[in-house]
Amino acid sequence: MNFEELTKNKPTVEWKQRMDEDDDIFTEENINATNEVLDTYINNLKELENNLTEEEILECVKKVVISLNELNDNYDYFIETMEREELYEFIIEAASIAGLESEDDITEEWREW
């Protein structure tokens, strides 16, 4: 997988479907805000794409996790178990594409959701 494929498969694609099926945890606003945060994360990784160090990748992970913490707080804690897992997978996959090799939960240190 590459960044373009990953961007097309953001968790928010499924969230929109669930919202359309009357899952009231989602709104256009929290989905759009999450899309912006995830797009920024991918763009930050792409900008640094060549010869990224583990430290640089983890700095991008830290920024996206903290941004998601803020969104979750601002939008009445819409990130629940399933959403947490979907976001985690997306963040890990992007970090892996960027070159990070880790078996650890790289979001845990900053994650509040």
PDB file of N, CA and C in Angstrom:
ATOM      1  N   MET A   1       0.845  -1.180   0.000  1.00  0.00           N
ATOM      2  CA  MET A   1       0.000   0.000   0.000  1.00  0.00           C
ATOM      3  C   MET A   1       0.892   1.246   0.000  1.00  0.00           C
ATOM      4  N   ASN A   2       0.386   2.317  -0.597  1.00  0.00           N
ATOM      5  CA  ASN A   2       1.111   3.586  -0.565  1.00  0.00           C
ATOM      6  C   ASN A   2       0.208   4.656   0.050  1.00  0.00           C
ATOM      7  N   PHE A   3       0.748   5.869   0.169  1.00  0.00           N
ATOM      8  CA  PHE A   3      -0.009   6.940   0.815  1.00  0.00           C
ATOM      9  C   PHE A   3      -1.318   7.253   0.094  1.00  0.00           C
ATOM     10  N   GLU A   4      -1.302   7.214  -1.244  1.00  0.00           N
ATOM     11  CA  GLU A   4      -2.512   7.536  -2.001  1.00  0.00           C
ATOM     12  C   GLU A   4      -3.617   6.513  -1.728  1.00  0.00           C
ATOM     13  N   GLU A   5      -3.250   5.230  -1.737  1.00  0.00           N
ATOM     14  CA  GLU A   5      -4.231   4.182  -1.442  1.00  0.00           C
ATOM     15  C   GLU A   5      -4.750   4.319  -0.016  1.00  0.00           C
ATOM     16  N   LEU A   6      -3.846   4.598   0.903  1.00  0.00           N
ATOM     17  CA  LEU A   6      -4.227   4.738   2.300  1.00  0.00           C
ATOM     18  C   LEU A   6      -5.182   5.915   2.478  1.00  0.00           C
ATOM     19  N   THR A   7      -4.907   7.020   1.805  1.00  0.00           N
ATOM     20  CA  THR A   7      -5.756   8.206   1.911  1.00  0.00           C
ATOM     21  C   THR A   7      -7.181   7.907   1.447  1.00  0.00           C
ATOM     22  N   LYS A   8      -7.323   7.042   0.450  1.00  0.00           N
ATOM     23  CA  LYS A   8      -8.654   6.672  -0.045  1.00  0.00           C
ATOM     24  C   LYS A   8      -9.380   5.750   0.930  1.00  0.00           C
ATOM     25  N   ASN A   9      -8.649   5.167   1.855  1.00  0.00           N
ATOM     26  CA  ASN A   9      -9.228   4.212   2.801  1.00  0.00           C
ATOM     27  C   ASN A   9      -9.193   4.710   4.239  1.00  0.00           C
ATOM     28  N   LYS A  10      -9.346   6.014   4.403  1.00  0.00           N
ATOM     29  CA  LYS A  10      -9.371   6.574   5.757  1.00  0.00           C
ATOM     30  C   LYS A  10     -10.552   5.985   6.534  1.00  0.00           C
ATOM     31  N   PRO A  11     -10.424   5.886   7.840  1.00  0.00           N
ATOM     32  CA  PRO A  11     -11.536   5.384   8.660  1.00  0.00           C
ATOM     33  C   PRO A  11     -12.824   6.191   8.453  1.00  0.00           C
ATOM     34  N   THR A  12     -12.672   7.444   8.105  1.00  0.00           N
ATOM     35  CA  THR A  12     -13.846   8.307   7.954  1.00  0.00           C
ATOM     36  C   THR A  12     -14.756   7.880   6.808  1.00  0.00           C
ATOM     37  N   VAL A  13     -14.244   7.101   5.858  1.00  0.00           N
ATOM     38  CA  VAL A  13     -15.090   6.585   4.779  1.00  0.00           C
ATOM     39  C   VAL A  13     -16.170   5.678   5.387  1.00  0.00           C
ATOM     40  N   GLU A  14     -15.741   4.781   6.265  1.00  0.00           N
ATOM     41  CA  GLU A  14     -16.691   3.897   6.938  1.00  0.00           C
ATOM     42  C   GLU A  14     -17.565   4.668   7.925  1.00  0.00           C
ATOM     43  N   TRP A  15     -16.996   5.682   8.568  1.00  0.00           N
ATOM     44  CA  TRP A  15     -17.769   6.477   9.518  1.00  0.00           C
ATOM     45  C   TRP A  15     -18.938   7.158   8.821  1.00  0.00           C
ATOM     46  N   LYS A  16     -18.685   7.655   7.612  1.00  0.00           N
ATOM     47  CA  LYS A  16     -19.741   8.327   6.849  1.00  0.00           C
ATOM     48  C   LYS A  16     -20.855   7.324   6.545  1.00  0.00           C
ATOM     49  N   GLN A  17     -20.480   6.109   6.174  1.00  0.00           N
ATOM     50  CA  GLN A  17     -21.486   5.069   5.908  1.00  0.00           C
ATOM     51  C   GLN A  17     -22.292   4.771   7.165  1.00  0.00           C
ATOM     52  N   ARG A  18     -21.605   4.672   8.292  1.00  0.00           N
ATOM     53  CA  ARG A  18     -22.304   4.392   9.552  1.00  0.00           C
ATOM     54  C   ARG A  18     -23.215   5.562   9.941  1.00  0.00           C
ATOM     55  N   MET A  19     -22.765   6.784   9.672  1.00  0.00           N
ATOM     56  CA  MET A  19     -23.600   7.952   9.945  1.00  0.00           C
ATOM     57  C   MET A  19     -24.862   7.892   9.085  1.00  0.00           C
ATOM     58  N   ASP A  20     -24.683   7.538   7.814  1.00  0.00           N
ATOM     59  CA  ASP A  20     -25.824   7.436   6.899  1.00  0.00           C
ATOM     60  C   ASP A  20     -26.789   6.318   7.307  1.00  0.00           C
ATOM     61  N   GLU A  21     -26.287   5.373   8.091  1.00  0.00           N
ATOM     62  CA  GLU A  21     -27.122   4.281   8.601  1.00  0.00           C
ATOM     63  C   GLU A  21     -27.616   4.594  10.012  1.00  0.00           C
ATOM     64  N   ASP A  22     -27.628   5.885  10.340  1.00  0.00           N
ATOM     65  CA  ASP A  22     -28.173   6.395  11.600  1.00  0.00           C
ATOM     66  C   ASP A  22     -27.312   6.152  12.835  1.00  0.00           C
ATOM     67  N   ASP A  23     -26.007   6.020  12.668  1.00  0.00           N
ATOM     68  CA  ASP A  23     -25.113   5.985  13.825  1.00  0.00           C
ATOM     69  C   ASP A  23     -24.934   7.433  14.257  1.00  0.00           C
ATOM     70  N   ASP A  24     -25.555   7.802  15.365  1.00  0.00           N
ATOM     71  CA  ASP A  24     -25.595   9.217  15.746  1.00  0.00           C
ATOM     72  C   ASP A  24     -24.330   9.721  16.445  1.00  0.00           C
ATOM     73  N   ILE A  25     -23.317   8.880  16.545  1.00  0.00           N
ATOM     74  CA  ILE A  25     -22.045   9.325  17.123  1.00  0.00           C
ATOM     75  C   ILE A  25     -21.298  10.251  16.151  1.00  0.00           C
ATOM     76  N   PHE A  26     -21.623  10.132  14.866  1.00  0.00           N
ATOM     77  CA  PHE A  26     -20.923  10.896  13.840  1.00  0.00           C
ATOM     78  C   PHE A  26     -21.753  12.070  13.347  1.00  0.00           C
ATOM     79  N   THR A  27     -21.031  13.139  12.987  1.00  0.00           N
ATOM     80  CA  THR A  27     -21.634  14.303  12.340  1.00  0.00           C
ATOM     81  C   THR A  27     -20.750  14.674  11.153  1.00  0.00           C
ATOM     82  N   GLU A  28     -21.295  15.452  10.252  1.00  0.00           N
ATOM     83  CA  GLU A  28     -20.471  15.954   9.148  1.00  0.00           C
ATOM     84  C   GLU A  28     -19.254  16.687   9.716  1.00  0.00           C
ATOM     85  N   GLU A  29     -19.474  17.441  10.791  1.00  0.00           N
ATOM     86  CA  GLU A  29     -18.397  18.238  11.372  1.00  0.00           C
ATOM     87  C   GLU A  29     -17.266  17.379  11.933  1.00  0.00           C
ATOM     88  N   ASN A  30     -17.605  16.353  12.728  1.00  0.00           N
ATOM     89  CA  ASN A  30     -16.503  15.564  13.306  1.00  0.00           C
ATOM     90  C   ASN A  30     -15.822  14.695  12.251  1.00  0.00           C
ATOM     91  N   ILE A  31     -16.562  14.282  11.238  1.00  0.00           N
ATOM     92  CA  ILE A  31     -15.937  13.519  10.156  1.00  0.00           C
ATOM     93  C   ILE A  31     -15.018  14.420   9.334  1.00  0.00           C
ATOM     94  N   ASN A  32     -15.487  15.608   8.977  1.00  0.00           N
ATOM     95  CA  ASN A  32     -14.648  16.541   8.203  1.00  0.00           C
ATOM     96  C   ASN A  32     -13.410  16.959   8.986  1.00  0.00           C
ATOM     97  N   ALA A  33     -13.578  17.221  10.275  1.00  0.00           N
ATOM     98  CA  ALA A  33     -12.437  17.620  11.107  1.00  0.00           C
ATOM     99  C   ALA A  33     -11.418  16.482  11.192  1.00  0.00           C
ATOM    100  N   THR A  34     -11.896  15.253  11.317  1.00  0.00           N
ATOM    101  CA  THR A  34     -10.994  14.096  11.363  1.00  0.00           C
ATOM    102  C   THR A  34     -10.274  13.931  10.033  1.00  0.00           C
ATOM    103  N   ASN A  35     -10.998  14.115   8.931  1.00  0.00           N
ATOM    104  CA  ASN A  35     -10.359  14.043   7.613  1.00  0.00           C
ATOM    105  C   ASN A  35      -9.210  15.039   7.502  1.00  0.00           C
ATOM    106  N   GLU A  36      -9.427  16.250   7.971  1.00  0.00           N
ATOM    107  CA  GLU A  36      -8.375  17.274   7.908  1.00  0.00           C
ATOM    108  C   GLU A  36      -7.151  16.847   8.704  1.00  0.00           C
ATOM    109  N   VAL A  37      -7.374  16.324   9.893  1.00  0.00           N
ATOM    110  CA  VAL A  37      -6.263  15.885  10.750  1.00  0.00           C
ATOM    111  C   VAL A  37      -5.498  14.742  10.084  1.00  0.00           C
ATOM    112  N   LEU A  38      -6.213  13.770   9.537  1.00  0.00           N
ATOM    113  CA  LEU A  38      -5.553  12.622   8.898  1.00  0.00           C
ATOM    114  C   LEU A  38      -4.832  13.037   7.617  1.00  0.00           C
ATOM    115  N   ASP A  39      -5.425  13.950   6.856  1.00  0.00           N
ATOM    116  CA  ASP A  39      -4.761  14.448   5.642  1.00  0.00           C
ATOM    117  C   ASP A  39      -3.470  15.186   5.998  1.00  0.00           C
ATOM    118  N   THR A  40      -3.523  15.979   7.051  1.00  0.00           N
ATOM    119  CA  THR A  40      -2.318  16.699   7.499  1.00  0.00           C
ATOM    120  C   THR A  40      -1.233  15.709   7.905  1.00  0.00           C
ATOM    121  N   TYR A  41      -1.617  14.665   8.604  1.00  0.00           N
ATOM    122  CA  TYR A  41      -0.669  13.619   9.013  1.00  0.00           C
ATOM    123  C   TYR A  41       0.012  12.999   7.796  1.00  0.00           C
ATOM    124  N   ILE A  42      -0.787  12.599   6.808  1.00  0.00           N
ATOM    125  CA  ILE A  42      -0.223  11.993   5.593  1.00  0.00           C
ATOM    126  C   ILE A  42       0.680  12.997   4.870  1.00  0.00           C
ATOM    127  N   ASN A  43       0.217  14.233   4.753  1.00  0.00           N
ATOM    128  CA  ASN A  43       1.024  15.249   4.065  1.00  0.00           C
ATOM    129  C   ASN A  43       2.340  15.509   4.781  1.00  0.00           C
ATOM    130  N   ASN A  44       2.318  15.519   6.113  1.00  0.00           N
ATOM    131  CA  ASN A  44       3.557  15.711   6.876  1.00  0.00           C
ATOM    132  C   ASN A  44       4.534  14.563   6.622  1.00  0.00           C
ATOM    133  N   LEU A  45       4.015  13.345   6.590  1.00  0.00           N
ATOM    134  CA  LEU A  45       4.881  12.191   6.309  1.00  0.00           C
ATOM    135  C   LEU A  45       5.416  12.247   4.880  1.00  0.00           C
ATOM    136  N   LYS A  46       4.567  12.637   3.935  1.00  0.00           N
ATOM    137  CA  LYS A  46       4.991  12.706   2.532  1.00  0.00           C
ATOM    138  C   LYS A  46       6.063  13.781   2.327  1.00  0.00           C
ATOM    139  N   GLU A  47       5.919  14.904   3.022  1.00  0.00           N
ATOM    140  CA  GLU A  47       6.906  15.975   2.903  1.00  0.00           C
ATOM    141  C   GLU A  47       8.281  15.515   3.358  1.00  0.00           C
ATOM    142  N   LEU A  48       8.286  14.652   4.349  1.00  0.00           N
ATOM    143  CA  LEU A  48       9.540  14.155   4.909  1.00  0.00           C
ATOM    144  C   LEU A  48       9.959  12.824   4.295  1.00  0.00           C
ATOM    145  N   GLU A  49       9.199  12.380   3.292  1.00  0.00           N
ATOM    146  CA  GLU A  49       9.232  10.989   2.822  1.00  0.00           C
ATOM    147  C   GLU A  49      10.631  10.401   2.635  1.00  0.00           C
ATOM    148  N   ASN A  50      11.528  11.124   2.073  1.00  0.00           N
ATOM    149  CA  ASN A  50      12.836  10.528   1.800  1.00  0.00           C
ATOM    150  C   ASN A  50      13.714  10.533   3.038  1.00  0.00           C
ATOM    151  N   ASN A  51      14.181   9.362   3.387  1.00  0.00           N
ATOM    152  CA  ASN A  51      15.119   9.199   4.490  1.00  0.00           C
ATOM    153  C   ASN A  51      14.586   9.687   5.829  1.00  0.00           C
ATOM    154  N   LEU A  52      13.353   9.349   6.113  1.00  0.00           N
ATOM    155  CA  LEU A  52      12.777   9.710   7.403  1.00  0.00           C
ATOM    156  C   LEU A  52      13.448   8.929   8.520  1.00  0.00           C
ATOM    157  N   THR A  53      13.712   9.614   9.600  1.00  0.00           N
ATOM    158  CA  THR A  53      14.230   8.907  10.769  1.00  0.00           C
ATOM    159  C   THR A  53      13.040   8.453  11.616  1.00  0.00           C
ATOM    160  N   GLU A  54      13.289   7.499  12.472  1.00  0.00           N
ATOM    161  CA  GLU A  54      12.244   7.031  13.385  1.00  0.00           C
ATOM    162  C   GLU A  54      11.722   8.204  14.212  1.00  0.00           C
ATOM    163  N   GLU A  55      12.625   9.059  14.629  1.00  0.00           N
ATOM    164  CA  GLU A  55      12.254  10.229  15.437  1.00  0.00           C
ATOM    165  C   GLU A  55      11.299  11.163  14.686  1.00  0.00           C
ATOM    166  N   GLU A  56      11.567  11.400  13.404  1.00  0.00           N
ATOM    167  CA  GLU A  56      10.706  12.272  12.599  1.00  0.00           C
ATOM    168  C   GLU A  56       9.321  11.660  12.401  1.00  0.00           C
ATOM    169  N   ILE A  57       9.269  10.365  12.165  1.00  0.00           N
ATOM    170  CA  ILE A  57       7.982   9.683  11.995  1.00  0.00           C
ATOM    171  C   ILE A  57       7.192   9.754  13.296  1.00  0.00           C
ATOM    172  N   LEU A  58       7.846   9.477  14.410  1.00  0.00           N
ATOM    173  CA  LEU A  58       7.153   9.510  15.701  1.00  0.00           C
ATOM    174  C   LEU A  58       6.677  10.915  16.047  1.00  0.00           C
ATOM    175  N   GLU A  59       7.379  11.929  15.605  1.00  0.00           N
ATOM    176  CA  GLU A  59       6.929  13.310  15.822  1.00  0.00           C
ATOM    177  C   GLU A  59       5.621  13.549  15.057  1.00  0.00           C
ATOM    178  N   CYS A  60       5.513  13.014  13.843  1.00  0.00           N
ATOM    179  CA  CYS A  60       4.267  13.115  13.065  1.00  0.00           C
ATOM    180  C   CYS A  60       3.139  12.341  13.754  1.00  0.00           C
ATOM    181  N   VAL A  61       3.467  11.173  14.279  1.00  0.00           N
ATOM    182  CA  VAL A  61       2.476  10.368  15.009  1.00  0.00           C
ATOM    183  C   VAL A  61       1.992  11.145  16.233  1.00  0.00           C
ATOM    184  N   LYS A  62       2.920  11.720  16.959  1.00  0.00           N
ATOM    185  CA  LYS A  62       2.566  12.501  18.154  1.00  0.00           C
ATOM    186  C   LYS A  62       1.602  13.626  17.784  1.00  0.00           C
ATOM    187  N   LYS A  63       1.887  14.351  16.707  1.00  0.00           N
ATOM    188  CA  LYS A  63       1.033  15.471  16.299  1.00  0.00           C
ATOM    189  C   LYS A  63      -0.369  15.004  15.937  1.00  0.00           C
ATOM    190  N   VAL A  64      -0.477  13.911  15.186  1.00  0.00           N
ATOM    191  CA  VAL A  64      -1.807  13.441  14.785  1.00  0.00           C
ATOM    192  C   VAL A  64      -2.587  12.935  15.992  1.00  0.00           C
ATOM    193  N   VAL A  65      -1.933  12.256  16.905  1.00  0.00           N
ATOM    194  CA  VAL A  65      -2.624  11.728  18.084  1.00  0.00           C
ATOM    195  C   VAL A  65      -3.115  12.875  18.965  1.00  0.00           C
ATOM    196  N   ILE A  66      -2.286  13.876  19.171  1.00  0.00           N
ATOM    197  CA  ILE A  66      -2.690  15.026  19.991  1.00  0.00           C
ATOM    198  C   ILE A  66      -3.835  15.784  19.318  1.00  0.00           C
ATOM    199  N   SER A  67      -3.777  15.919  17.999  1.00  0.00           N
ATOM    200  CA  SER A  67      -4.872  16.576  17.273  1.00  0.00           C
ATOM    201  C   SER A  67      -6.169  15.782  17.417  1.00  0.00           C
ATOM    202  N   LEU A  68      -6.071  14.460  17.352  1.00  0.00           N
ATOM    203  CA  LEU A  68      -7.263  13.625  17.527  1.00  0.00           C
ATOM    204  C   LEU A  68      -7.786  13.698  18.959  1.00  0.00           C
ATOM    205  N   ASN A  69      -6.891  13.815  19.925  1.00  0.00           N
ATOM    206  CA  ASN A  69      -7.319  14.013  21.323  1.00  0.00           C
ATOM    207  C   ASN A  69      -8.189  15.263  21.413  1.00  0.00           C
ATOM    208  N   GLU A  70      -7.718  16.346  20.778  1.00  0.00           N
ATOM    209  CA  GLU A  70      -8.442  17.615  20.822  1.00  0.00           C
ATOM    210  C   GLU A  70      -9.791  17.498  20.119  1.00  0.00           C
ATOM    211  N   LEU A  71      -9.815  16.840  18.965  1.00  0.00           N
ATOM    212  CA  LEU A  71     -11.083  16.645  18.252  1.00  0.00           C
ATOM    213  C   LEU A  71     -12.066  15.850  19.099  1.00  0.00           C
ATOM    214  N   ASN A  72     -11.587  14.785  19.681  1.00  0.00           N
ATOM    215  CA  ASN A  72     -12.445  13.935  20.491  1.00  0.00           C
ATOM    216  C   ASN A  72     -13.055  14.735  21.636  1.00  0.00           C
ATOM    217  N   ASP A  73     -12.263  15.582  22.233  1.00  0.00           N
ATOM    218  CA  ASP A  73     -12.717  16.442  23.319  1.00  0.00           C
ATOM    219  C   ASP A  73     -13.733  17.467  22.799  1.00  0.00           C
ATOM    220  N   ASN A  74     -13.440  18.085  21.663  1.00  0.00           N
ATOM    221  CA  ASN A  74     -14.304  19.134  21.104  1.00  0.00           C
ATOM    222  C   ASN A  74     -15.632  18.606  20.595  1.00  0.00           C
ATOM    223  N   TYR A  75     -15.667  17.341  20.171  1.00  0.00           N
ATOM    224  CA  TYR A  75     -16.880  16.763  19.577  1.00  0.00           C
ATOM    225  C   TYR A  75     -17.495  15.685  20.458  1.00  0.00           C
ATOM    226  N   ASP A  76     -17.492  15.912  21.753  1.00  0.00           N
ATOM    227  CA  ASP A  76     -18.208  15.050  22.701  1.00  0.00           C
ATOM    228  C   ASP A  76     -17.794  13.580  22.665  1.00  0.00           C
ATOM    229  N   TYR A  77     -16.516  13.327  22.547  1.00  0.00           N
ATOM    230  CA  TYR A  77     -15.953  11.988  22.715  1.00  0.00           C
ATOM    231  C   TYR A  77     -16.578  10.956  21.780  1.00  0.00           C
ATOM    232  N   PHE A  78     -16.447  11.235  20.489  1.00  0.00           N
ATOM    233  CA  PHE A  78     -16.998  10.347  19.467  1.00  0.00           C
ATOM    234  C   PHE A  78     -16.072   9.190  19.113  1.00  0.00           C
ATOM    235  N   ILE A  79     -14.835   9.219  19.598  1.00  0.00           N
ATOM    236  CA  ILE A  79     -13.903   8.124  19.302  1.00  0.00           C
ATOM    237  C   ILE A  79     -14.074   7.065  20.383  1.00  0.00           C
ATOM    238  N   GLU A  80     -14.755   5.993  19.990  1.00  0.00           N
ATOM    239  CA  GLU A  80     -14.988   4.883  20.907  1.00  0.00           C
ATOM    240  C   GLU A  80     -14.110   3.711  20.468  1.00  0.00           C
ATOM    241  N   THR A  81     -14.377   2.539  20.971  1.00  0.00           N
ATOM    242  CA  THR A  81     -13.494   1.388  20.745  1.00  0.00           C
ATOM    243  C   THR A  81     -13.238   1.110  19.264  1.00  0.00           C
ATOM    244  N   MET A  82     -14.296   1.015  18.473  1.00  0.00           N
ATOM    245  CA  MET A  82     -14.119   0.677  17.058  1.00  0.00           C
ATOM    246  C   MET A  82     -13.349   1.787  16.332  1.00  0.00           C
ATOM    247  N   GLU A  83     -13.700   3.032  16.625  1.00  0.00           N
ATOM    248  CA  GLU A  83     -13.032   4.160  15.980  1.00  0.00           C
ATOM    249  C   GLU A  83     -11.561   4.238  16.396  1.00  0.00           C
ATOM    250  N   ARG A  84     -11.306   3.945  17.651  1.00  0.00           N
ATOM    251  CA  ARG A  84      -9.920   3.941  18.143  1.00  0.00           C
ATOM    252  C   ARG A  84      -9.093   2.921  17.371  1.00  0.00           C
ATOM    253  N   GLU A  85      -9.644   1.730  17.192  1.00  0.00           N
ATOM    254  CA  GLU A  85      -8.925   0.692  16.457  1.00  0.00           C
ATOM    255  C   GLU A  85      -8.706   1.089  15.001  1.00  0.00           C
ATOM    256  N   GLU A  86      -9.722   1.690  14.383  1.00  0.00           N
ATOM    257  CA  GLU A  86      -9.601   2.110  12.986  1.00  0.00           C
ATOM    258  C   GLU A  86      -8.563   3.212  12.827  1.00  0.00           C
ATOM    259  N   LEU A  87      -8.584   4.172  13.733  1.00  0.00           N
ATOM    260  CA  LEU A  87      -7.587   5.249  13.677  1.00  0.00           C
ATOM    261  C   LEU A  87      -6.186   4.710  13.931  1.00  0.00           C
ATOM    262  N   TYR A  88      -6.065   3.832  14.907  1.00  0.00           N
ATOM    263  CA  TYR A  88      -4.774   3.226  15.225  1.00  0.00           C
ATOM    264  C   TYR A  88      -4.199   2.521  13.998  1.00  0.00           C
ATOM    265  N   GLU A  89      -5.031   1.704  13.333  1.00  0.00           N
ATOM    266  CA  GLU A  89      -4.567   0.984  12.143  1.00  0.00           C
ATOM    267  C   GLU A  89      -4.106   1.947  11.056  1.00  0.00           C
ATOM    268  N   PHE A  90      -4.845   3.017  10.858  1.00  0.00           N
ATOM    269  CA  PHE A  90      -4.498   4.009   9.846  1.00  0.00           C
ATOM    270  C   PHE A  90      -3.160   4.678  10.180  1.00  0.00           C
ATOM    271  N   ILE A  91      -3.002   5.080  11.430  1.00  0.00           N
ATOM    272  CA  ILE A  91      -1.771   5.754  11.870  1.00  0.00           C
ATOM    273  C   ILE A  91      -0.570   4.826  11.736  1.00  0.00           C
ATOM    274  N   ILE A  92      -0.731   3.590  12.155  1.00  0.00           N
ATOM    275  CA  ILE A  92       0.346   2.590  12.077  1.00  0.00           C
ATOM    276  C   ILE A  92       0.723   2.316  10.620  1.00  0.00           C
ATOM    277  N   GLU A  93      -0.292   2.152   9.766  1.00  0.00           N
ATOM    278  CA  GLU A  93      -0.043   1.854   8.356  1.00  0.00           C
ATOM    279  C   GLU A  93       0.727   2.993   7.703  1.00  0.00           C
ATOM    280  N   ALA A  94       0.330   4.230   7.971  1.00  0.00           N
ATOM    281  CA  ALA A  94       1.025   5.384   7.389  1.00  0.00           C
ATOM    282  C   ALA A  94       2.465   5.459   7.893  1.00  0.00           C
ATOM    283  N   ALA A  95       2.664   5.210   9.171  1.00  0.00           N
ATOM    284  CA  ALA A  95       4.020   5.230   9.724  1.00  0.00           C
ATOM    285  C   ALA A  95       4.870   4.134   9.089  1.00  0.00           C
ATOM    286  N   SER A  96       4.254   2.987   8.841  1.00  0.00           N
ATOM    287  CA  SER A  96       4.952   1.875   8.199  1.00  0.00           C
ATOM    288  C   SER A  96       5.341   2.236   6.764  1.00  0.00           C
ATOM    289  N   ILE A  97       4.427   2.842   6.022  1.00  0.00           N
ATOM    290  CA  ILE A  97       4.722   3.283   4.656  1.00  0.00           C
ATOM    291  C   ILE A  97       5.891   4.266   4.667  1.00  0.00           C
ATOM    292  N   ALA A  98       5.930   5.101   5.701  1.00  0.00           N
ATOM    293  CA  ALA A  98       7.002   6.091   5.823  1.00  0.00           C
ATOM    294  C   ALA A  98       8.335   5.459   6.226  1.00  0.00           C
ATOM    295  N   GLY A  99       8.279   4.197   6.677  1.00  0.00           N
ATOM    296  CA  GLY A  99       9.524   3.500   6.983  1.00  0.00           C
ATOM    297  C   GLY A  99       9.709   3.070   8.418  1.00  0.00           C
ATOM    298  N   LEU A 100       8.727   3.320   9.271  1.00  0.00           N
ATOM    299  CA  LEU A 100       8.850   2.923  10.675  1.00  0.00           C
ATOM    300  C   LEU A 100       8.604   1.434  10.821  1.00  0.00           C
ATOM    301  N   GLU A 101       9.487   0.777  11.519  1.00  0.00           N
ATOM    302  CA  GLU A 101       9.311  -0.635  11.833  1.00  0.00           C
ATOM    303  C   GLU A 101       9.171  -0.760  13.337  1.00  0.00           C
ATOM    304  N   SER A 102       7.951  -1.075  13.776  1.00  0.00           N
ATOM    305  CA  SER A 102       7.715  -1.177  15.213  1.00  0.00           C
ATOM    306  C   SER A 102       6.566  -2.125  15.476  1.00  0.00           C
ATOM    307  N   GLU A 103       6.698  -2.911  16.520  1.00  0.00           N
ATOM    308  CA  GLU A 103       5.627  -3.791  16.959  1.00  0.00           C
ATOM    309  C   GLU A 103       4.868  -3.165  18.120  1.00  0.00           C
ATOM    310  N   ASP A 104       5.356  -2.041  18.612  1.00  0.00           N
ATOM    311  CA  ASP A 104       4.756  -1.376  19.767  1.00  0.00           C
ATOM    312  C   ASP A 104       3.575  -0.525  19.354  1.00  0.00           C
ATOM    313  N   ASP A 105       2.754  -0.162  20.334  1.00  0.00           N
ATOM    314  CA  ASP A 105       1.673   0.794  20.107  1.00  0.00           C
ATOM    315  C   ASP A 105       2.315   2.180  20.140  1.00  0.00           C
ATOM    316  N   ILE A 106       2.557   2.727  18.967  1.00  0.00           N
ATOM    317  CA  ILE A 106       3.274   4.001  18.878  1.00  0.00           C
ATOM    318  C   ILE A 106       2.376   5.193  19.205  1.00  0.00           C
ATOM    319  N   THR A 107       1.089   4.954  19.446  1.00  0.00           N
ATOM    320  CA  THR A 107       0.184   6.058  19.784  1.00  0.00           C
ATOM    321  C   THR A 107      -0.051   6.165  21.288  1.00  0.00           C
ATOM    322  N   GLU A 108       0.253   5.118  22.007  1.00  0.00           N
ATOM    323  CA  GLU A 108      -0.145   5.005  23.415  1.00  0.00           C
ATOM    324  C   GLU A 108       0.363   6.152  24.289  1.00  0.00           C
ATOM    325  N   GLU A 109       1.577   6.584  24.047  1.00  0.00           N
ATOM    326  CA  GLU A 109       2.190   7.606  24.890  1.00  0.00           C
ATOM    327  C   GLU A 109       1.370   8.907  24.944  1.00  0.00           C
ATOM    328  N   TRP A 110       0.709   9.246  23.834  1.00  0.00           N
ATOM    329  CA  TRP A 110      -0.012  10.521  23.750  1.00  0.00           C
ATOM    330  C   TRP A 110      -1.518  10.356  23.672  1.00  0.00           C
ATOM    331  N   ARG A 111      -2.002   9.158  23.415  1.00  0.00           N
ATOM    332  CA  ARG A 111      -3.418   8.926  23.124  1.00  0.00           C
ATOM    333  C   ARG A 111      -4.288   9.025  24.369  1.00  0.00           C
ATOM    334  N   GLU A 112      -5.373   9.786  24.248  1.00  0.00           N
ATOM    335  CA  GLU A 112      -6.361   9.893  25.311  1.00  0.00           C
ATOM    336  C   GLU A 112      -7.699   9.274  24.902  1.00  0.00           C
ATOM    337  N   TRP A 113      -7.784   8.768  23.681  1.00  0.00           N
ATOM    338  CA  TRP A 113      -9.042   8.193  23.191  1.00  0.00           C
ATOM    339  C   TRP A 113      -8.960   6.682  23.183  1.00  0.00           C
TER     340      TRP A 113
END
